[in-house]
Amino acid sequence: MTELTEYLESLPAPERACVEHVYARARALVPEASDGVGYGMPALVLDGKPLLSVMVAKTHIGLYPFSPGALETVRDELAGFSLSKGTVRFSSDHPVPDDLLDRLVLARRAEIRAR
């Protein structure tokens, strides 16, 4: 069992489904990514670099693409979400739309592969 699997199993149902959905989309887009840790958080890892982490906080769910540059590719379309330099905050009631999530994941994959 990986840290990511253990983390997902620890989540309450509504948040777990939302977080699992994000990871499932990322895995479908980047099947070569594996469970790992990025900056101390359970994450998907690609070529030894963190691809994406999704963590439940007290008042939101945080999506961490580990890249301000990747986030910039969709920032203008994330109106209504709380954003910081490298985080998108959302909730199970107001998830990140799949098309934006997909583009963010693919931007991060391209960034990792370009290095």
C-alpha atoms as a PDB file:
ATOM      1  CA  MET A   1       0.000   0.000   0.000  1.00  0.00           C
ATOM      2  CA  THR A   2       1.370   3.419  -0.957  1.00  0.00           C
ATOM      3  CA  GLU A   3       1.143   6.672   0.967  1.00  0.00           C
ATOM      4  CA  LEU A   4      -1.328   7.912  -1.630  1.00  0.00           C
ATOM      5  CA  THR A   5      -3.544   4.845  -1.245  1.00  0.00           C
ATOM      6  CA  GLU A   6      -3.437   5.141   2.536  1.00  0.00           C
ATOM      7  CA  TYR A   7      -4.286   8.825   2.323  1.00  0.00           C
ATOM      8  CA  LEU A   8      -7.275   8.219   0.043  1.00  0.00           C
ATOM      9  CA  GLU A   9      -8.613   5.502   2.336  1.00  0.00           C
ATOM     10  CA  SER A  10      -8.453   7.906   5.287  1.00  0.00           C
ATOM     11  CA  LEU A  11     -10.774  10.481   3.679  1.00  0.00           C
ATOM     12  CA  PRO A  12     -14.505  10.817   4.367  1.00  0.00           C
ATOM     13  CA  ALA A  13     -16.788   9.749   1.509  1.00  0.00           C
ATOM     14  CA  PRO A  14     -17.724  13.034  -0.216  1.00  0.00           C
ATOM     15  CA  GLU A  15     -14.171  14.360  -0.257  1.00  0.00           C
ATOM     16  CA  ARG A  16     -12.693  10.961  -1.106  1.00  0.00           C
ATOM     17  CA  ALA A  17     -14.822  10.647  -4.240  1.00  0.00           C
ATOM     18  CA  CYS A  18     -13.818  14.121  -5.383  1.00  0.00           C
ATOM     19  CA  VAL A  19     -10.103  13.580  -4.716  1.00  0.00           C
ATOM     20  CA  GLU A  20     -10.156  10.121  -6.313  1.00  0.00           C
ATOM     21  CA  HIS A  21     -11.790  11.625  -9.401  1.00  0.00           C
ATOM     22  CA  VAL A  22      -8.908  14.074  -9.851  1.00  0.00           C
ATOM     23  CA  TYR A  23      -6.319  11.326  -9.458  1.00  0.00           C
ATOM     24  CA  ALA A  24      -8.242   9.031 -11.846  1.00  0.00           C
ATOM     25  CA  ARG A  25      -8.268  11.701 -14.560  1.00  0.00           C
ATOM     26  CA  ALA A  26      -4.563  12.372 -14.049  1.00  0.00           C
ATOM     27  CA  ARG A  27      -3.776   8.643 -14.218  1.00  0.00           C
ATOM     28  CA  ALA A  28      -5.800   8.293 -17.423  1.00  0.00           C
ATOM     29  CA  LEU A  29      -3.881  11.160 -19.027  1.00  0.00           C
ATOM     30  CA  VAL A  30      -0.478  10.148 -17.668  1.00  0.00           C
ATOM     31  CA  PRO A  31      -0.632   6.373 -17.127  1.00  0.00           C
ATOM     32  CA  GLU A  32       3.114   6.165 -16.604  1.00  0.00           C
ATOM     33  CA  ALA A  33       2.834   8.279 -13.432  1.00  0.00           C
ATOM     34  CA  SER A  34       3.174   6.371 -10.186  1.00  0.00           C
ATOM     35  CA  ASP A  35       2.156   6.866  -6.586  1.00  0.00           C
ATOM     36  CA  GLY A  36       4.752   8.736  -4.595  1.00  0.00           C
ATOM     37  CA  VAL A  37       5.401  11.813  -2.527  1.00  0.00           C
ATOM     38  CA  GLY A  38       5.962  15.406  -3.574  1.00  0.00           C
ATOM     39  CA  TYR A  39       7.097  17.994  -1.051  1.00  0.00           C
ATOM     40  CA  GLY A  40       5.912  15.738   1.763  1.00  0.00           C
ATOM     41  CA  MET A  41       2.439  15.205   0.259  1.00  0.00           C
ATOM     42  CA  PRO A  42       1.027  12.015  -1.268  1.00  0.00           C
ATOM     43  CA  ALA A  43       1.219  12.624  -4.999  1.00  0.00           C
ATOM     44  CA  LEU A  44       1.507  11.211  -8.466  1.00  0.00           C
ATOM     45  CA  VAL A  45       5.109  11.263  -9.646  1.00  0.00           C
ATOM     46  CA  LEU A  46       6.433  11.278 -13.198  1.00  0.00           C
ATOM     47  CA  ASP A  47      10.083  10.702 -14.070  1.00  0.00           C
ATOM     48  CA  GLY A  48      11.026  11.327 -10.442  1.00  0.00           C
ATOM     49  CA  LYS A  49       9.223  14.702 -10.320  1.00  0.00           C
ATOM     50  CA  PRO A  50       5.910  15.385  -8.570  1.00  0.00           C
ATOM     51  CA  LEU A  51       3.097  15.676 -11.092  1.00  0.00           C
ATOM     52  CA  LEU A  52       0.093  16.439  -8.921  1.00  0.00           C
ATOM     53  CA  SER A  53      -1.169  16.259  -5.365  1.00  0.00           C
ATOM     54  CA  VAL A  54      -4.704  16.697  -4.066  1.00  0.00           C
ATOM     55  CA  MET A  55      -5.197  17.158  -0.337  1.00  0.00           C
ATOM     56  CA  VAL A  56      -8.233  17.830   1.830  1.00  0.00           C
ATOM     57  CA  ALA A  57      -7.852  20.819   4.162  1.00  0.00           C
ATOM     58  CA  LYS A  58     -10.212  22.111   6.822  1.00  0.00           C
ATOM     59  CA  THR A  59     -12.198  24.421   4.527  1.00  0.00           C
ATOM     60  CA  HIS A  60     -11.315  23.249   1.000  1.00  0.00           C
ATOM     61  CA  ILE A  61      -9.592  20.693  -1.193  1.00  0.00           C
ATOM     62  CA  GLY A  62      -6.210  21.799  -2.493  1.00  0.00           C
ATOM     63  CA  LEU A  63      -4.954  20.893  -5.948  1.00  0.00           C
ATOM     64  CA  TYR A  64      -1.174  21.254  -6.188  1.00  0.00           C
ATOM     65  CA  PRO A  65       0.394  20.936  -9.654  1.00  0.00           C
ATOM     66  CA  PHE A  66       3.849  21.742  -8.209  1.00  0.00           C
ATOM     67  CA  SER A  67       4.254  24.402 -10.865  1.00  0.00           C
ATOM     68  CA  PRO A  68       3.143  28.020 -11.068  1.00  0.00           C
ATOM     69  CA  GLY A  69       3.826  27.825 -14.815  1.00  0.00           C
ATOM     70  CA  ALA A  70       1.451  24.919 -15.365  1.00  0.00           C
ATOM     71  CA  LEU A  71      -1.199  26.687 -13.309  1.00  0.00           C
ATOM     72  CA  GLU A  72      -0.791  29.809 -15.437  1.00  0.00           C
ATOM     73  CA  THR A  73      -1.977  27.846 -18.482  1.00  0.00           C
ATOM     74  CA  VAL A  74      -5.518  27.728 -17.046  1.00  0.00           C
ATOM     75  CA  ARG A  75      -5.525  30.500 -14.435  1.00  0.00           C
ATOM     76  CA  ASP A  76      -7.729  32.846 -16.457  1.00  0.00           C
ATOM     77  CA  GLU A  77     -10.414  30.158 -16.696  1.00  0.00           C
ATOM     78  CA  LEU A  78     -10.532  29.447 -12.968  1.00  0.00           C
ATOM     79  CA  ALA A  79     -12.724  32.393 -12.006  1.00  0.00           C
ATOM     80  CA  GLY A  80     -14.687  31.499  -8.896  1.00  0.00           C
ATOM     81  CA  PHE A  81     -11.883  29.397  -7.426  1.00  0.00           C
ATOM     82  CA  SER A  82      -9.458  30.542  -4.768  1.00  0.00           C
ATOM     83  CA  LEU A  83      -5.960  30.500  -6.267  1.00  0.00           C
ATOM     84  CA  SER A  84      -2.436  31.126  -5.105  1.00  0.00           C
ATOM     85  CA  LYS A  85       0.907  30.836  -6.863  1.00  0.00           C
ATOM     86  CA  GLY A  86       0.764  27.040  -7.017  1.00  0.00           C
ATOM     87  CA  THR A  87      -2.623  25.989  -5.629  1.00  0.00           C
ATOM     88  CA  VAL A  88      -6.233  25.722  -6.729  1.00  0.00           C
ATOM     89  CA  ARG A  89      -8.716  25.512  -3.855  1.00  0.00           C
ATOM     90  CA  PHE A  90     -12.052  23.861  -4.557  1.00  0.00           C
ATOM     91  CA  SER A  91     -14.760  21.792  -2.887  1.00  0.00           C
ATOM     92  CA  SER A  92     -16.669  18.620  -3.654  1.00  0.00           C
ATOM     93  CA  ASP A  93     -19.667  20.871  -4.369  1.00  0.00           C
ATOM     94  CA  HIS A  94     -17.643  23.055  -6.769  1.00  0.00           C
ATOM     95  CA  PRO A  95     -14.961  20.857  -8.384  1.00  0.00           C
ATOM     96  CA  VAL A  96     -12.461  21.949 -11.001  1.00  0.00           C
ATOM     97  CA  PRO A  97     -14.024  21.263 -14.426  1.00  0.00           C
ATOM     98  CA  ASP A  98     -12.563  18.183 -16.087  1.00  0.00           C
ATOM     99  CA  ASP A  99     -11.391  20.020 -19.205  1.00  0.00           C
ATOM    100  CA  LEU A 100      -9.393  22.507 -17.110  1.00  0.00           C
ATOM    101  CA  LEU A 101      -8.034  19.746 -14.911  1.00  0.00           C
ATOM    102  CA  ASP A 102      -6.943  17.790 -17.971  1.00  0.00           C
ATOM    103  CA  ARG A 103      -5.159  20.785 -19.484  1.00  0.00           C
ATOM    104  CA  LEU A 104      -3.416  21.516 -16.192  1.00  0.00           C
ATOM    105  CA  VAL A 105      -2.204  17.921 -15.856  1.00  0.00           C
ATOM    106  CA  LEU A 106      -0.992  17.859 -19.461  1.00  0.00           C
ATOM    107  CA  ALA A 107       0.808  21.183 -19.007  1.00  0.00           C
ATOM    108  CA  ARG A 108       2.603  19.804 -15.949  1.00  0.00           C
ATOM    109  CA  ARG A 109       3.490  16.593 -17.818  1.00  0.00           C
ATOM    110  CA  ALA A 110       4.944  18.639 -20.692  1.00  0.00           C
ATOM    111  CA  GLU A 111       6.921  20.731 -18.239  1.00  0.00           C
ATOM    112  CA  ILE A 112       8.394  17.645 -16.565  1.00  0.00           C
ATOM    113  CA  ARG A 113       9.215  16.026 -19.884  1.00  0.00           C
ATOM    114  CA  ALA A 114      10.904  19.181 -21.189  1.00  0.00           C
ATOM    115  CA  ARG A 115      13.484  19.060 -18.386  1.00  0.00           C
END
